[in-house]
């Protein structure tokens, strides 16, 4: 109950600083963690001062948790501390700093994240965390920062950025990924990203994949998905569709043997209805796939006007 209460304090904000500061002395480390994270949502000076102090603590565990919270704090002092952690050379501190910078946003945070990728390399733990933070932002600014790496001299930066852009459904990643199909070290990941982006030829035929896309580069990702489902032309407006795909076809796709079809189907349903019933894992068994489909079927069994979740 104490853990749940501390977690709720983090989400609701406006909790009196003295209550959170007292929770920092709780015997349960889970309560202490949630209390630290909640400090960033409390505007009172004592809470802010304690959070900044914890972010420079000698206690490595406390410092890491405080760094995770600074993304919500958002001040110039917080930005300076996150920059120190990012440049410390220790992934233990740099990784949570990346996540907080991505949550904080703004030109300076973007500059720091880009700098981490360039300095540490896209394949490093720090650089990968910085790219993940940019992808998690999902704003025009963060997407533009990711896209800028598509022209980098380092091929690893190009491919790593392209894979994350593909997960966001960005077609500008396709040329980099198609080129990576010819690189033995990167072809497997590039093909997975292309399969998720375009929903075509996600098997072992990398050359066929490249040829199919190059024959029709103007085809949008939504149309590739419709082709993967074997659908005809886009029908007219219908409330029982999500981005031009009938809901019954999406429900069927949730149990498709192709993992990238399942994930695209879930992504479209979540975008359309603003609700998640869970994400299918790539190697999910049939039982898990059927449970996920059953949840969406139950959701649609409720009249549209009565869907309160």
Protein backbone atom coordinates (compact mmCIF):
# COMPACT_ATOMS: atom_id res chain seq x y z
CA UNK A 1 0.00 0.00 0.00
CA UNK A 2 2.85 2.38 0.77
CA UNK A 3 4.49 1.63 -2.60
CA UNK A 4 1.20 2.27 -4.44
CA UNK A 5 0.64 5.50 -2.51
CA UNK A 6 4.13 6.78 -3.31
CA UNK A 7 3.67 5.87 -6.99
CA UNK A 8 0.36 7.75 -7.07
CA UNK A 9 2.11 10.79 -5.58
CA UNK A 10 4.47 10.72 -8.53
CA UNK A 11 1.63 10.71 -11.05
CA UNK A 12 -0.69 13.19 -9.36
CA UNK A 13 1.88 15.77 -8.21
CA UNK A 14 1.25 18.56 -5.73
CA UNK A 15 1.98 16.35 -2.72
CA UNK A 16 3.35 18.14 0.31
CA UNK A 17 7.15 18.00 0.34
CA UNK A 18 7.34 16.97 4.00
CA UNK A 19 5.35 13.79 3.27
CA UNK A 20 7.68 12.78 0.46
CA UNK A 21 10.80 13.64 2.44
CA UNK A 22 9.52 11.44 5.25
CA UNK A 23 8.90 8.61 2.77
CA UNK A 24 12.59 8.76 1.83
CA UNK A 25 13.30 7.16 5.21
CA UNK A 26 10.90 4.25 4.64
CA UNK A 27 12.29 0.79 5.37
CA UNK A 28 11.15 -0.54 1.98
CA UNK A 29 13.47 0.46 -0.92
CA UNK A 30 10.53 0.40 -3.34
CA UNK A 31 8.81 3.13 -1.35
CA UNK A 32 12.01 5.17 -1.26
CA UNK A 33 12.37 4.84 -5.02
CA UNK A 34 8.83 6.05 -5.74
CA UNK A 35 9.27 8.90 -3.26
CA UNK A 36 12.40 10.09 -5.06
CA UNK A 37 10.63 9.95 -8.41
CA UNK A 38 7.70 11.89 -6.92
CA UNK A 39 9.95 14.73 -5.73
CA UNK A 40 10.15 16.02 -9.32
CA UNK A 41 6.36 16.52 -9.37
CA UNK A 42 6.33 18.65 -6.23
CA UNK A 43 7.08 22.37 -6.76
CA UNK A 44 8.05 23.12 -3.14
CA UNK A 45 11.70 24.24 -2.74
CA UNK A 46 12.62 21.60 -0.11
CA UNK A 47 11.58 18.80 -2.48
CA UNK A 48 13.50 20.33 -5.38
CA UNK A 49 16.64 20.89 -3.28
CA UNK A 50 16.60 17.31 -1.99
CA UNK A 51 16.13 15.88 -5.47
CA UNK A 52 19.07 17.87 -6.86
CA UNK A 53 21.21 16.79 -3.91
CA UNK A 54 20.31 13.14 -4.45
CA UNK A 55 21.26 13.45 -8.13
CA UNK A 56 24.82 14.18 -6.94
CA UNK A 57 24.76 11.70 -4.07
CA UNK A 58 27.69 9.42 -3.26
CA UNK A 59 25.16 6.60 -3.04
CA UNK A 60 25.16 5.23 -6.59
CA UNK A 61 21.71 3.65 -6.37
CA UNK A 62 20.07 6.82 -5.04
CA UNK A 63 21.87 8.95 -7.60
CA UNK A 64 20.63 6.78 -10.46
CA UNK A 65 17.01 6.99 -9.29
CA UNK A 66 17.27 10.76 -8.89
CA UNK A 67 18.65 11.09 -12.41
CA UNK A 68 15.59 9.22 -13.67
CA UNK A 69 13.37 11.82 -11.99
CA UNK A 70 15.09 14.94 -13.31
CA UNK A 71 13.35 14.77 -16.67
CA UNK A 72 10.18 16.01 -14.99
CA UNK A 73 11.98 18.60 -12.89
CA UNK A 74 13.07 20.37 -16.06
CA UNK A 75 15.11 23.25 -14.61
CA UNK A 76 18.47 24.59 -15.78
CA UNK A 77 20.06 23.02 -12.69
CA UNK A 78 18.58 19.64 -13.61
CA UNK A 79 19.85 20.00 -17.17
CA UNK A 80 23.38 20.71 -15.89
CA UNK A 81 23.33 17.63 -13.65
CA UNK A 82 22.06 15.43 -16.48
CA UNK A 83 24.82 16.75 -18.74
CA UNK A 84 27.41 15.81 -16.10
CA UNK A 85 25.98 12.30 -15.81
CA UNK A 86 25.86 11.87 -19.58
CA UNK A 87 29.49 12.88 -19.93
CA UNK A 88 30.66 10.83 -16.94
CA UNK A 89 31.56 7.84 -19.08
CA UNK A 90 29.58 5.54 -16.74
CA UNK A 91 26.56 3.89 -18.38
CA UNK A 92 25.08 3.34 -14.89
CA UNK A 93 24.46 7.10 -14.75
CA UNK A 94 24.46 8.00 -18.46
CA UNK A 95 21.55 5.72 -19.41
CA UNK A 96 18.99 7.19 -16.96
CA UNK A 97 20.31 10.65 -17.86
CA UNK A 98 19.48 9.94 -21.51
CA UNK A 99 15.94 8.93 -20.61
CA UNK A 100 15.44 12.09 -18.57
CA UNK A 101 16.85 14.31 -21.31
CA UNK A 102 14.44 12.74 -23.77
CA UNK A 103 11.56 13.39 -21.38
CA UNK A 104 12.73 16.95 -20.75
CA UNK A 105 13.02 17.85 -24.44
CA UNK A 106 14.20 21.20 -25.74
CA UNK A 107 17.12 22.20 -27.99
CA UNK A 108 19.83 21.77 -25.34
CA UNK A 109 18.62 18.29 -24.36
CA UNK A 110 18.55 17.30 -28.03
CA UNK A 111 22.09 18.62 -28.49
CA UNK A 112 23.32 16.55 -25.55
CA UNK A 113 21.66 13.38 -26.82
CA UNK A 114 23.06 13.87 -30.31
CA UNK A 115 26.48 14.50 -28.80
CA UNK A 116 26.30 11.23 -26.85
CA UNK A 117 25.64 9.26 -30.03
CA UNK A 118 28.47 10.97 -31.87
CA UNK A 119 30.95 10.69 -29.00
CA UNK A 120 30.17 7.20 -27.70
CA UNK A 121 29.02 5.52 -30.90
CA UNK A 122 25.56 4.28 -31.80
CA UNK A 123 26.36 0.71 -30.76
CA UNK A 124 27.53 1.65 -27.26
CA UNK A 125 25.22 1.47 -24.25
CA UNK A 126 25.28 5.25 -23.86
CA UNK A 127 24.75 5.97 -27.56
CA UNK A 128 21.99 3.39 -27.84
CA UNK A 129 20.21 4.89 -24.84
CA UNK A 130 20.45 8.33 -26.43
CA UNK A 131 18.89 7.04 -29.67
CA UNK A 132 16.16 5.27 -27.66
CA UNK A 133 15.43 8.52 -25.82
CA UNK A 134 15.05 10.36 -29.12
CA UNK A 135 12.74 7.65 -30.46
CA UNK A 136 10.64 7.66 -27.29
CA UNK A 137 10.07 11.41 -27.64
CA UNK A 138 7.96 10.94 -30.80
CA UNK A 139 7.94 14.70 -31.40
CA UNK A 140 8.80 16.48 -34.62
CA UNK A 141 12.00 17.67 -32.98
CA UNK A 142 13.16 14.24 -31.79
CA UNK A 143 12.25 12.56 -35.09
CA UNK A 144 14.25 15.23 -36.96
CA UNK A 145 17.22 14.58 -34.67
CA UNK A 146 17.03 10.85 -35.41
CA UNK A 147 16.63 11.47 -39.14
CA UNK A 148 19.77 13.62 -39.19
CA UNK A 149 21.82 10.47 -38.46
CA UNK A 150 20.64 8.89 -41.72
CA UNK A 151 23.33 10.94 -43.47
CA UNK A 152 26.09 10.23 -40.92
CA UNK A 153 29.48 9.00 -42.10
CA UNK A 154 29.40 6.16 -39.58
CA UNK A 155 27.33 3.30 -41.08
CA UNK A 156 26.42 2.04 -37.59
CA UNK A 157 24.86 5.40 -36.74
CA UNK A 158 22.88 5.33 -39.99
CA UNK A 159 21.51 1.83 -39.41
CA UNK A 160 20.79 2.24 -35.70
CA UNK A 161 18.89 5.49 -36.34
CA UNK A 162 17.05 3.94 -39.30
CA UNK A 163 15.89 0.97 -37.22
CA UNK A 164 14.39 3.27 -34.62
CA UNK A 165 12.74 5.44 -37.28
CA UNK A 166 11.29 2.30 -38.86
CA UNK A 167 9.72 1.38 -35.51
CA UNK A 168 8.05 4.80 -35.61
CA UNK A 169 6.70 4.09 -39.11
CA UNK A 170 8.97 6.60 -40.86
CA UNK A 171 9.55 5.67 -44.51
CA UNK A 172 12.67 7.84 -44.81
CA UNK A 173 14.48 5.02 -43.01
CA UNK A 174 13.87 2.58 -45.89
CA UNK A 175 16.80 3.55 -48.21
CA UNK A 176 19.36 3.15 -45.41
CA UNK A 177 17.88 -0.20 -44.37
CA UNK A 178 17.76 -1.46 -47.97
CA UNK A 179 21.44 -0.61 -48.37
CA UNK A 180 22.20 -2.40 -45.10
CA UNK A 181 20.74 -5.64 -46.50
CA UNK A 182 24.04 -6.02 -48.39
CA UNK A 183 26.06 -5.79 -45.16
CA UNK A 184 26.40 -9.20 -43.53
CA UNK A 185 26.82 -7.71 -40.04
CA UNK A 186 23.71 -5.55 -40.26
CA UNK A 187 21.43 -7.31 -42.72
CA UNK A 188 19.40 -9.30 -40.16
CA UNK A 189 18.43 -6.26 -38.10
CA UNK A 190 17.82 -4.16 -41.21
CA UNK A 191 15.49 -6.80 -42.63
CA UNK A 192 13.56 -7.03 -39.35
CA UNK A 193 13.11 -3.26 -39.32
CA UNK A 194 11.99 -3.25 -42.95
CA UNK A 195 9.53 -6.06 -42.29
CA UNK A 196 8.02 -4.12 -39.40
CA UNK A 197 7.92 -0.91 -41.45
CA UNK A 198 6.57 -2.29 -44.71
CA UNK A 199 5.01 -5.66 -43.80
CA UNK A 200 6.40 -7.46 -46.83
CA UNK A 201 8.85 -10.35 -47.24
CA UNK A 202 9.99 -10.69 -43.66
CA UNK A 203 11.51 -14.11 -44.32
CA UNK A 204 15.04 -14.86 -45.44
CA UNK A 205 14.82 -13.38 -48.92
CA UNK A 206 16.63 -10.08 -48.41
CA UNK A 207 17.28 -9.64 -52.14
CA UNK A 208 13.60 -10.22 -52.95
CA UNK A 209 12.64 -7.71 -50.28
CA UNK A 210 14.92 -5.06 -51.75
CA UNK A 211 13.68 -5.70 -55.28
CA UNK A 212 10.02 -5.57 -54.26
CA UNK A 213 10.39 -2.22 -52.51
CA UNK A 214 12.58 -0.69 -55.22
CA UNK A 215 9.99 -1.61 -57.82
CA UNK A 216 7.37 0.46 -55.97
CA UNK A 217 9.11 3.06 -53.77
CA UNK A 218 6.06 5.33 -53.89
CA UNK A 219 3.86 2.81 -52.06
CA UNK A 220 3.04 4.00 -48.54
CA UNK A 221 3.54 1.83 -45.47
CA UNK A 222 -0.24 1.57 -44.96
CA UNK A 223 -0.63 0.12 -48.46
CA UNK A 224 2.15 -2.42 -47.88
CA UNK A 225 0.28 -3.48 -44.75
CA UNK A 226 -2.98 -3.85 -46.68
CA UNK A 227 -1.16 -5.98 -49.26
CA UNK A 228 0.27 -8.16 -46.49
CA UNK A 229 -3.31 -8.78 -45.33
CA UNK A 230 -4.47 -9.51 -48.88
CA UNK A 231 -6.93 -6.59 -48.95
CA UNK A 232 -8.23 -4.90 -52.09
CA UNK A 233 -8.45 -1.13 -52.66
CA UNK A 234 -9.06 1.13 -49.68
CA UNK A 235 -12.83 1.20 -49.05
CA UNK A 236 -14.85 4.30 -48.24
CA UNK A 237 -15.16 5.86 -44.80
CA UNK A 238 -16.45 3.36 -42.28
CA UNK A 239 -16.47 3.57 -38.46
CA UNK A 240 -15.39 -0.09 -38.33
CA UNK A 241 -11.99 0.67 -39.84
CA UNK A 242 -8.62 1.81 -38.55
CA UNK A 243 -6.52 3.68 -41.12
CA UNK A 244 -8.39 2.08 -43.99
CA UNK A 245 -8.23 -1.48 -42.64
CA UNK A 246 -11.47 -3.19 -41.48
CA UNK A 247 -11.45 -4.06 -37.80
CA UNK A 248 -12.25 -7.72 -38.47
CA UNK A 249 -9.12 -7.92 -40.65
CA UNK A 250 -7.04 -6.38 -37.87
CA UNK A 251 -8.44 -8.83 -35.33
CA UNK A 252 -7.53 -11.69 -37.65
CA UNK A 253 -4.05 -10.20 -38.12
CA UNK A 254 -3.47 -10.38 -34.34
CA UNK A 255 -3.10 -14.15 -34.77
CA UNK A 256 -1.12 -14.02 -38.00
CA UNK A 257 1.98 -16.25 -38.09
CA UNK A 258 4.07 -13.25 -39.19
CA UNK A 259 5.25 -11.33 -36.13
CA UNK A 260 5.58 -8.03 -37.99
CA UNK A 261 1.96 -8.25 -39.15
CA UNK A 262 0.81 -8.82 -35.55
CA UNK A 263 2.80 -5.84 -34.27
CA UNK A 264 1.55 -3.54 -37.04
CA UNK A 265 -2.03 -4.59 -36.32
CA UNK A 266 -1.67 -3.78 -32.62
CA UNK A 267 -0.01 -0.44 -33.39
CA UNK A 268 -2.91 0.60 -35.64
CA UNK A 269 -5.53 -0.43 -33.09
CA UNK A 270 -3.77 1.43 -30.29
CA UNK A 271 -3.40 4.55 -32.42
CA UNK A 272 -7.03 4.47 -33.50
CA UNK A 273 -8.61 3.88 -30.09
CA UNK A 274 -6.03 5.27 -27.65
CA UNK A 275 -6.09 2.06 -25.65
CA UNK A 276 -3.68 -0.84 -25.21
CA UNK A 277 -4.55 -4.47 -24.51
CA UNK A 278 -0.86 -5.46 -24.51
CA UNK A 279 1.80 -5.96 -27.15
CA UNK A 280 2.49 -9.36 -28.76
CA UNK A 281 6.06 -10.54 -28.30
CA UNK A 282 7.90 -11.57 -31.44
CA UNK A 283 8.06 -15.21 -30.39
CA UNK A 284 4.65 -15.30 -28.71
CA UNK A 285 2.88 -18.64 -28.69
CA UNK A 286 -0.57 -19.17 -30.10
CA UNK A 287 -2.15 -19.03 -26.64
CA UNK A 288 -0.75 -15.55 -26.00
CA UNK A 289 -1.84 -14.36 -29.45
CA UNK A 290 -5.36 -15.66 -28.85
CA UNK A 291 -5.55 -13.94 -25.46
CA UNK A 292 -4.56 -10.61 -27.05
CA UNK A 293 -7.13 -11.03 -29.81
CA UNK A 294 -9.79 -11.95 -27.23
CA UNK A 295 -9.13 -8.73 -25.30
CA UNK A 296 -9.68 -6.61 -28.42
CA UNK A 297 -12.77 -8.61 -29.34
CA UNK A 298 -14.17 -7.93 -25.87
CA UNK A 299 -13.36 -4.24 -26.31
CA UNK A 300 -15.29 -4.10 -29.59
CA UNK A 301 -18.22 -6.02 -28.12
CA UNK A 302 -19.01 -2.95 -26.02
CA UNK A 303 -21.04 -0.27 -27.87
CA UNK A 304 -18.76 2.54 -29.08
CA UNK A 305 -20.50 5.20 -26.96
CA UNK A 306 -20.06 3.07 -23.83
CA UNK A 307 -16.28 2.56 -24.16
CA UNK A 308 -15.02 4.52 -21.21
CA UNK A 309 -11.48 3.13 -21.20
